[in-house]
């Protein structure tokens, strides 16, 4: 019967879907069964009531059991959710703690670096005026200092300089800090350097120009004395090689274009003015070496060098330093001066001690003051010529004095610097050409 089928479906739906059972009203049931009798209708109603009561009981049982089971599942899910959230929170907190510790470590490093820089008695970044630059470096202004530093091209971290090792007296490259990768061919043995390349360049110039001792520079820059020594030696060798690439021997056209008026009138053919100078050095323990270094002119052991300048006052020739006992003639022969490119008709001006006329290339003449002849007194013409030559030859002595204005040469050169004394001398002479002109126009 339709009623039974719908009743069974209602029970099945109540059990499986746990939904509310739909019970027909008697009027709807009467319409559904049509021609049924009242007795049959009453029986159907009683059966329907019994079935409805059974379905209701079943529904209440199912819903009660569901009410018991669902909260347990929900509490379990909530508990798992709470534990997952706690794990995530712990992981997040741990990550923050690690990041915080890392940042604190970086802050401590920066504080130490800041304290190190602030603890220095001397801060190169504070000396930016032209007066300060001229005093400490000899350069006329800050722009010149920057231009020379750019020319040296040491690299952003000094990777182009071969720094002396502290343990072995070998040569190595060190880089400074902050880089993730080392430059190709670079070895970073030992501690990283505390000074930047610009500060190291300033340190070297202070050592040359002001003659500061290594111990004094160590206190000023907040580094060790050994670091100052290694930095100075490394930079001197590097500057010597870089400046050596620049040709300072001008051609004849440049000489004529820059010649001072005092030369144009009577000495227009002058190509170079030469003279020798001596610097005192430490007395060695070897008697043989002591005899070679001893200068009767200075009455001390000395190193002797030859310097040549153009008529404009620029230094155009720098020789190596030789033992103080060497003669002027011999130093001209050994210094390489005669191998320079001269033009026909050039004149070399020198002091009367340079008897080198027979050594000069063909077509080059020597202009020196006249010697005192057989007579005990010079002629009037010789006196005038001597004074005229002296009035222009004095510029080479001024150039030599300009080199010695680098106060590193004020004291006796120690034997420990004999390995780089030629480099120091050449660098100081080259730096003189970067300063203001010797002869004002």
Protein backbone atom coordinates (compact mmCIF):
# COMPACT_ATOMS: atom_id res chain seq x y z
CA UNK A 1 0.00 0.00 0.00
CA UNK A 2 1.18 3.57 -0.58
CA UNK A 3 0.84 4.34 3.05
CA UNK A 4 3.08 1.47 4.12
CA UNK A 5 5.72 2.33 1.55
CA UNK A 6 5.79 5.93 2.63
CA UNK A 7 5.92 4.84 6.25
CA UNK A 8 8.88 2.58 5.58
CA UNK A 9 10.59 5.35 3.66
CA UNK A 10 9.94 7.71 6.54
CA UNK A 11 11.54 5.28 8.99
CA UNK A 12 14.47 4.68 6.70
CA UNK A 13 14.93 8.42 6.25
CA UNK A 14 14.77 8.96 9.98
CA UNK A 15 17.44 6.35 10.61
CA UNK A 16 19.82 7.27 7.86
CA UNK A 17 19.43 10.99 7.41
CA UNK A 18 18.38 11.70 10.98
CA UNK A 19 15.67 14.07 9.86
CA UNK A 20 12.23 14.72 11.28
CA UNK A 21 9.56 12.16 10.24
CA UNK A 22 6.65 13.55 8.24
CA UNK A 23 3.24 12.19 9.49
CA UNK A 24 0.17 12.52 7.29
CA UNK A 25 -2.98 14.01 8.66
CA UNK A 26 -6.18 11.91 8.59
CA UNK A 27 -7.73 14.14 5.96
CA UNK A 28 -4.75 13.65 3.66
CA UNK A 29 -4.79 9.96 4.38
CA UNK A 30 -8.45 9.72 3.54
CA UNK A 31 -7.83 11.38 0.25
CA UNK A 32 -4.96 9.02 -0.37
CA UNK A 33 -6.89 5.77 0.34
CA UNK A 34 -10.02 6.93 -1.40
CA UNK A 35 -12.81 4.45 -0.91
CA UNK A 36 -11.71 2.84 2.35
CA UNK A 37 -14.30 2.11 5.06
CA UNK A 38 -14.39 3.77 8.41
CA UNK A 39 -13.25 0.60 10.12
CA UNK A 40 -10.36 0.24 7.84
CA UNK A 41 -9.65 3.91 8.24
CA UNK A 42 -9.61 3.60 12.03
CA UNK A 43 -7.30 0.61 11.79
CA UNK A 44 -5.06 2.54 9.50
CA UNK A 45 -5.10 5.49 11.86
CA UNK A 46 -4.21 3.28 14.83
CA UNK A 47 -1.45 1.65 12.82
CA UNK A 48 -0.28 5.04 11.71
CA UNK A 49 -0.28 6.27 15.30
CA UNK A 50 1.68 3.20 16.42
CA UNK A 51 4.13 3.62 13.60
CA UNK A 52 4.49 7.31 14.32
CA UNK A 53 5.16 6.61 17.98
CA UNK A 54 7.79 4.03 17.02
CA UNK A 55 9.40 6.41 14.56
CA UNK A 56 9.37 9.18 17.11
CA UNK A 57 11.07 6.94 19.67
CA UNK A 58 13.65 5.88 17.10
CA UNK A 59 14.25 9.49 16.13
CA UNK A 60 14.66 10.56 19.74
CA UNK A 61 17.14 7.71 20.30
CA UNK A 62 19.16 8.68 17.25
CA UNK A 63 19.18 12.35 18.08
CA UNK A 64 20.15 11.69 21.68
CA UNK A 65 23.00 9.45 20.60
CA UNK A 66 24.08 12.08 18.10
CA UNK A 67 23.91 14.71 20.80
CA UNK A 68 26.25 12.55 22.84
CA UNK A 69 28.73 11.71 20.05
CA UNK A 70 28.95 15.04 18.26
CA UNK A 71 30.29 17.08 21.23
CA UNK A 72 33.06 14.49 21.72
CA UNK A 73 34.15 14.74 18.10
CA UNK A 74 33.87 18.50 18.19
CA UNK A 75 35.93 18.72 21.37
CA UNK A 76 38.55 16.43 19.84
CA UNK A 77 38.73 18.58 16.73
CA UNK A 78 38.89 21.70 18.80
CA UNK A 79 41.65 20.17 20.92
CA UNK A 80 43.66 19.27 17.78
CA UNK A 81 43.09 22.73 16.43
CA UNK A 82 44.29 24.26 19.68
CA UNK A 83 47.42 22.08 19.68
CA UNK A 84 48.17 22.96 16.03
CA UNK A 85 47.82 26.63 16.84
CA UNK A 86 50.12 26.24 19.84
CA UNK A 87 52.75 24.50 17.68
CA UNK A 88 52.53 27.22 15.07
CA UNK A 89 52.79 29.84 17.76
CA UNK A 90 55.83 28.14 19.30
CA UNK A 91 57.55 27.90 15.90
CA UNK A 92 56.80 31.52 15.21
CA UNK A 93 58.11 32.58 18.63
CA UNK A 94 61.27 30.50 18.13
CA UNK A 95 61.85 32.15 14.76
CA UNK A 96 61.44 35.59 16.28
CA UNK A 97 63.86 34.67 19.08
CA UNK A 98 66.51 33.51 16.59
CA UNK A 99 66.06 36.63 14.49
CA UNK A 100 66.24 38.79 17.60
CA UNK A 101 69.47 37.09 18.71
CA UNK A 102 70.96 37.61 15.25
CA UNK A 103 70.05 41.28 15.24
CA UNK A 104 71.48 41.73 18.73
CA UNK A 105 74.76 40.16 17.60
CA UNK A 106 74.90 42.49 14.60
CA UNK A 107 74.19 45.46 16.85
CA UNK A 108 77.06 44.45 19.14
CA UNK A 109 79.42 44.17 16.18
CA UNK A 110 78.36 47.59 14.91
CA UNK A 111 78.77 49.04 18.39
CA UNK A 112 82.29 47.66 18.64
CA UNK A 113 83.14 49.05 15.22
CA UNK A 114 81.60 52.37 16.13
CA UNK A 115 83.46 52.47 19.42
CA UNK A 116 86.68 51.58 17.60
CA UNK A 117 86.24 54.42 15.14
CA UNK A 118 85.15 56.83 17.81
CA UNK A 119 88.06 55.80 20.03
CA UNK A 120 90.57 56.90 17.42
CA UNK A 121 92.31 60.11 18.25
CA UNK A 122 92.51 60.89 14.57
CA UNK A 123 89.50 60.80 12.26
CA UNK A 124 90.50 61.27 8.59
CA UNK A 125 86.89 61.95 7.61
CA UNK A 126 86.97 65.09 9.75
CA UNK A 127 89.85 66.59 7.76
CA UNK A 128 88.16 67.74 4.57
CA UNK A 129 89.29 71.35 4.26
CA UNK A 130 91.99 72.31 1.80
CA UNK A 131 94.18 73.62 4.62
CA UNK A 132 94.06 70.32 6.48
CA UNK A 133 94.71 68.32 3.32
CA UNK A 134 97.69 70.52 2.45
CA UNK A 135 99.10 70.19 5.96
CA UNK A 136 98.81 66.42 6.32
CA UNK A 137 99.33 65.27 2.72
CA UNK A 138 101.07 68.07 0.83
CA UNK A 139 98.33 68.17 -1.80
CA UNK A 140 97.00 71.66 -2.52
CA UNK A 141 93.33 70.76 -1.99
CA UNK A 142 90.86 67.96 -1.38
CA UNK A 143 90.04 67.61 -5.09
CA UNK A 144 93.67 66.73 -5.84
CA UNK A 145 93.69 64.18 -3.02
CA UNK A 146 90.57 62.52 -4.45
CA UNK A 147 91.97 62.58 -8.00
CA UNK A 148 95.20 60.84 -6.98
CA UNK A 149 93.27 58.25 -4.95
CA UNK A 150 91.06 57.52 -7.95
CA UNK A 151 94.13 57.20 -10.17
CA UNK A 152 95.65 54.60 -7.87
CA UNK A 153 92.55 52.42 -8.34
CA UNK A 154 93.03 50.27 -5.27
CA UNK A 155 89.60 48.68 -5.57
CA UNK A 156 86.61 49.17 -3.33
CA UNK A 157 88.19 46.98 -0.64
CA UNK A 158 91.85 47.35 -1.53
CA UNK A 159 91.89 44.07 -3.46
CA UNK A 160 94.35 45.49 -6.01
CA UNK A 161 97.04 46.00 -3.36
CA UNK A 162 99.28 43.11 -2.37
CA UNK A 163 99.50 43.38 1.39
CA UNK A 164 102.45 42.04 3.34
CA UNK A 165 101.66 39.08 5.55
CA UNK A 166 102.08 39.41 9.29
CA UNK A 167 103.34 35.86 9.89
CA UNK A 168 105.41 35.29 6.80
CA UNK A 169 107.10 38.08 4.91
CA UNK A 170 105.32 36.89 1.81
CA UNK A 171 102.83 38.91 -0.14
CA UNK A 172 99.11 38.37 -0.04
CA UNK A 173 95.87 40.11 -0.82
CA UNK A 174 93.40 40.91 1.92
CA UNK A 175 89.97 42.34 1.61
CA UNK A 176 88.16 44.46 4.12
CA UNK A 177 84.70 43.55 5.22
CA UNK A 178 81.15 43.26 4.11
CA UNK A 179 81.74 41.25 0.94
CA UNK A 180 80.15 37.86 0.54
CA UNK A 181 82.73 36.65 -1.95
CA UNK A 182 86.45 37.20 -2.11
CA UNK A 183 87.94 38.66 -5.27
CA UNK A 184 89.52 36.19 -7.65
CA UNK A 185 93.07 35.35 -6.65
CA UNK A 186 92.65 36.94 -3.23
CA UNK A 187 93.61 35.27 0.03
CA UNK A 188 92.20 36.60 3.27
CA UNK A 189 94.67 35.22 5.80
CA UNK A 190 94.34 36.62 9.28
CA UNK A 191 92.09 39.37 10.51
CA UNK A 192 90.27 41.69 8.20
CA UNK A 193 91.65 45.16 7.87
CA UNK A 194 90.14 47.81 10.14
CA UNK A 195 90.93 50.79 7.88
CA UNK A 196 89.36 51.54 4.53
CA UNK A 197 91.62 52.10 1.49
CA UNK A 198 91.03 55.84 1.64
CA UNK A 199 92.07 55.94 5.29
CA UNK A 200 95.16 53.86 4.56
CA UNK A 201 96.13 56.24 1.77
CA UNK A 202 95.75 59.14 4.19
CA UNK A 203 97.89 57.28 6.74
CA UNK A 204 100.70 56.72 4.22
CA UNK A 205 100.68 60.38 3.18
CA UNK A 206 100.80 61.47 6.83
CA UNK A 207 103.81 59.24 7.33
CA UNK A 208 105.56 60.71 4.30
CA UNK A 209 104.57 64.34 4.66
CA UNK A 210 104.59 64.87 8.41
CA UNK A 211 107.15 62.19 9.29
CA UNK A 212 104.93 60.63 11.98
CA UNK A 213 106.43 57.54 13.56
CA UNK A 214 104.68 54.21 13.24
CA UNK A 215 103.89 54.14 16.96
CA UNK A 216 102.34 57.59 16.79
CA UNK A 217 100.22 56.64 13.76
CA UNK A 218 99.12 53.48 15.56
CA UNK A 219 97.72 55.60 18.42
CA UNK A 220 96.12 58.09 16.05
CA UNK A 221 94.35 55.54 13.86
CA UNK A 222 93.53 53.02 16.59
CA UNK A 223 95.50 50.12 15.10
CA UNK A 224 98.63 48.21 16.03
CA UNK A 225 102.11 49.39 15.15
CA UNK A 226 102.74 46.26 13.10
CA UNK A 227 99.62 47.00 11.06
CA UNK A 228 100.90 50.50 10.36
CA UNK A 229 104.23 49.09 9.20
CA UNK A 230 102.68 46.49 6.90
CA UNK A 231 100.21 49.00 5.50
CA UNK A 232 102.92 51.53 4.79
CA UNK A 233 105.20 49.03 3.04
CA UNK A 234 102.36 47.64 0.95
CA UNK A 235 101.14 51.06 -0.16
CA UNK A 236 104.63 52.39 -0.94
CA UNK A 237 105.33 49.47 -3.26
CA UNK A 238 101.92 49.82 -4.88
CA UNK A 239 102.25 53.59 -5.39
CA UNK A 240 105.77 53.13 -6.78
CA UNK A 241 104.46 50.74 -9.42
CA UNK A 242 101.44 52.89 -10.32
CA UNK A 243 103.40 56.14 -10.55
CA UNK A 244 106.13 54.38 -12.50
CA UNK A 245 103.67 53.88 -15.35
CA UNK A 246 103.52 57.65 -15.89
CA UNK A 247 106.22 59.08 -18.14
CA UNK A 248 107.60 62.28 -16.60
CA UNK A 249 110.24 62.90 -19.30
CA UNK A 250 108.61 65.45 -21.65
CA UNK A 251 109.45 65.97 -25.31
CA UNK A 252 111.07 69.07 -26.71
CA UNK A 253 107.78 70.72 -27.71
CA UNK A 254 106.42 70.50 -24.18
CA UNK A 255 109.67 71.90 -22.79
CA UNK A 256 109.47 74.93 -25.06
CA UNK A 257 105.76 75.50 -24.40
CA UNK A 258 106.20 75.47 -20.61
CA UNK A 259 109.61 77.15 -20.38
CA UNK A 260 109.87 80.07 -17.98
CA UNK A 261 110.81 83.50 -19.28
CA UNK A 262 114.08 83.48 -17.32
CA UNK A 263 115.28 80.62 -19.54
CA UNK A 264 113.97 81.86 -22.87
CA UNK A 265 116.35 84.80 -23.11
CA UNK A 266 119.73 83.08 -22.72
CA UNK A 267 119.14 79.38 -22.06
CA UNK A 268 116.32 78.46 -24.39
CA UNK A 269 118.05 75.20 -25.42
CA UNK A 270 118.04 73.88 -21.85
CA UNK A 271 116.41 70.46 -21.71
CA UNK A 272 117.08 69.50 -18.11
CA UNK A 273 118.82 70.81 -15.00
CA UNK A 274 120.47 68.14 -12.86
CA UNK A 275 121.95 68.00 -9.41
CA UNK A 276 122.70 65.44 -6.71
CA UNK A 277 121.51 65.34 -3.14
CA UNK A 278 122.18 63.21 -0.08
CA UNK A 279 120.07 61.97 2.80
CA UNK A 280 121.47 60.64 6.04
CA UNK A 281 120.97 57.01 6.99
CA UNK A 282 121.65 54.75 9.94
CA UNK A 283 125.23 53.61 10.34
CA UNK A 284 125.58 49.89 9.59
CA UNK A 285 127.65 47.52 11.68
CA UNK A 286 129.62 46.32 8.66
CA UNK A 287 132.82 48.32 8.25
CA UNK A 288 132.92 47.67 4.51
CA UNK A 289 129.37 48.93 4.01
CA UNK A 290 130.09 51.82 6.33
CA UNK A 291 133.01 52.93 4.20
CA UNK A 292 130.88 52.82 1.05
CA UNK A 293 128.08 54.84 2.60
CA UNK A 294 130.27 57.44 4.22
CA UNK A 295 130.13 60.89 2.59
CA UNK A 296 133.01 63.27 3.11
CA UNK A 297 130.72 66.14 2.12
CA UNK A 298 128.16 65.39 4.85
CA UNK A 299 130.65 63.72 7.21
CA UNK A 300 128.06 61.00 7.76
CA UNK A 301 126.83 57.82 6.12
CA UNK A 302 124.39 58.87 3.42
CA UNK A 303 122.38 57.76 0.42
CA UNK A 304 122.88 59.81 -2.75
CA UNK A 305 120.49 60.42 -5.64
CA UNK A 306 120.33 62.36 -8.91
CA UNK A 307 117.39 64.67 -9.65
CA UNK A 308 116.60 66.45 -12.92
CA UNK A 309 114.00 69.16 -13.54
CA UNK A 310 112.62 70.90 -16.62
CA UNK A 311 112.95 74.68 -17.10
CA UNK A 312 109.33 74.89 -15.93
CA UNK A 313 110.31 73.47 -12.51
CA UNK A 314 108.68 70.04 -12.92
CA UNK A 315 110.72 67.04 -11.84
CA UNK A 316 111.52 65.02 -14.97
CA UNK A 317 114.13 62.55 -13.74
CA UNK A 318 114.55 60.63 -10.47
CA UNK A 319 117.40 58.19 -9.96
CA UNK A 320 117.75 55.47 -7.42
CA UNK A 321 119.66 56.10 -4.22
CA UNK A 322 123.27 55.01 -4.17
CA UNK A 323 125.93 54.87 -1.48
CA UNK A 324 127.10 58.28 -0.32
CA UNK A 325 130.69 57.81 -1.52
CA UNK A 326 129.70 57.68 -5.20
CA UNK A 327 130.85 60.58 -7.39
CA UNK A 328 128.60 62.81 -9.50
CA UNK A 329 130.06 61.46 -12.71
CA UNK A 330 129.57 57.86 -11.69
CA UNK A 331 125.99 58.38 -10.61
CA UNK A 332 125.18 59.92 -14.01
CA UNK A 333 126.61 56.85 -15.71
CA UNK A 334 124.82 54.32 -13.51
CA UNK A 335 121.45 56.04 -13.04
CA UNK A 336 120.24 55.65 -16.63
CA UNK A 337 120.20 59.38 -17.27
CA UNK A 338 122.25 59.03 -20.45
CA UNK A 339 119.68 56.61 -21.89
CA UNK A 340 116.95 59.25 -21.96
CA UNK A 341 115.74 60.53 -25.30
CA UNK A 342 117.53 63.79 -26.15
CA UNK A 343 117.18 65.93 -29.27
CA UNK A 344 119.98 67.50 -31.25
CA UNK A 345 120.89 70.88 -29.79
CA UNK A 346 119.69 70.15 -26.25
CA UNK A 347 121.65 71.52 -23.31
CA UNK A 348 122.11 69.94 -19.89
CA UNK A 349 122.63 72.46 -17.13
CA UNK A 350 124.51 71.34 -14.03
CA UNK A 351 126.91 72.37 -11.30
CA UNK A 352 130.58 72.60 -12.08
CA UNK A 353 131.22 69.28 -10.32
CA UNK A 354 129.51 67.40 -13.16
CA UNK A 355 132.37 66.82 -15.59
CA UNK A 356 130.23 64.70 -17.90
CA UNK A 357 130.56 66.50 -21.22
CA UNK A 358 132.25 63.48 -22.81
CA UNK A 359 129.43 61.20 -21.61
CA UNK A 360 126.51 63.11 -23.13
CA UNK A 361 124.91 61.88 -26.35
CA UNK A 362 126.02 63.34 -29.67
CA UNK A 363 124.54 66.81 -30.24
CA UNK A 364 123.91 67.46 -26.52
CA UNK A 365 126.02 70.09 -24.77
CA UNK A 366 126.80 70.76 -21.13
CA UNK A 367 126.25 74.14 -19.50
CA UNK A 368 128.13 74.50 -16.19
CA UNK A 369 129.68 77.48 -14.39
CA UNK A 370 133.27 78.25 -15.43
CA UNK A 371 136.17 76.87 -13.44
CA UNK A 372 138.80 78.95 -11.81
CA UNK A 373 141.69 78.99 -14.24
CA UNK A 374 145.39 79.28 -13.65
CA UNK A 375 144.81 82.72 -12.24
CA UNK A 376 143.73 83.01 -8.63
CA UNK A 377 140.81 85.21 -9.63
CA UNK A 378 137.99 84.85 -12.16
CA UNK A 379 137.50 87.26 -14.97
CA UNK A 380 134.56 89.59 -15.02
CA UNK A 381 132.90 87.58 -17.79
CA UNK A 382 133.26 84.34 -15.81
CA UNK A 383 131.75 85.95 -12.73
CA UNK A 384 128.76 87.21 -14.69
CA UNK A 385 128.27 83.83 -16.35
CA UNK A 386 128.47 82.04 -13.01
CA UNK A 387 125.84 84.33 -11.51
CA UNK A 388 123.53 83.95 -14.51
CA UNK A 389 123.73 80.17 -14.45
CA UNK A 390 123.30 80.14 -10.67
CA UNK A 391 120.17 82.31 -10.93
CA UNK A 392 118.37 79.66 -12.98
CA UNK A 393 120.13 76.54 -11.71
CA UNK A 394 118.88 77.28 -8.23
CA UNK A 395 115.48 75.90 -9.24
CA UNK A 396 116.80 72.35 -9.12
CA UNK A 397 117.89 72.93 -5.54
CA UNK A 398 114.44 74.22 -4.76
CA UNK A 399 112.96 71.07 -6.29
CA UNK A 400 115.23 68.89 -4.14
CA UNK A 401 114.23 70.88 -1.09
CA UNK A 402 110.60 70.29 -2.07
CA UNK A 403 111.20 66.55 -1.95
CA UNK A 404 112.86 66.87 1.43
CA UNK A 405 109.85 68.82 2.70
CA UNK A 406 108.36 65.38 3.15
CA UNK A 407 109.50 65.24 6.74
CA UNK A 408 110.12 61.51 6.62
CA UNK A 409 113.62 62.53 5.48
CA UNK A 410 114.21 64.78 8.49
CA UNK A 411 115.43 61.90 10.60
CA UNK A 412 118.03 59.30 9.82
CA UNK A 413 116.72 56.58 7.51
CA UNK A 414 116.79 53.32 9.52
CA UNK A 415 118.33 50.20 8.05
CA UNK A 416 114.95 48.49 8.30
CA UNK A 417 113.63 50.74 5.50
CA UNK A 418 116.52 50.14 3.10
CA UNK A 419 114.33 47.67 1.21
CA UNK A 420 111.86 50.39 0.25
CA UNK A 421 113.96 53.54 0.48
CA UNK A 422 114.12 53.88 -3.32
CA UNK A 423 110.34 53.52 -3.54
CA UNK A 424 109.81 56.17 -0.87
CA UNK A 425 112.20 58.58 -2.58
CA UNK A 426 110.59 58.14 -6.00
CA UNK A 427 107.05 58.46 -4.63
CA UNK A 428 107.89 61.68 -2.78
CA UNK A 429 109.49 63.13 -5.92
CA UNK A 430 106.47 62.19 -8.02
CA UNK A 431 104.07 63.70 -5.49
CA UNK A 432 105.96 67.00 -5.79
CA UNK A 433 104.73 67.28 -9.38
CA UNK A 434 101.14 67.05 -8.10
CA UNK A 435 101.67 70.02 -5.81
CA UNK A 436 101.63 73.66 -6.84
CA UNK A 437 104.19 74.60 -9.54
CA UNK A 438 107.72 75.29 -8.39
CA UNK A 439 108.16 78.31 -10.68
CA UNK A 440 105.19 80.64 -10.78
CA UNK A 441 104.26 81.96 -14.19
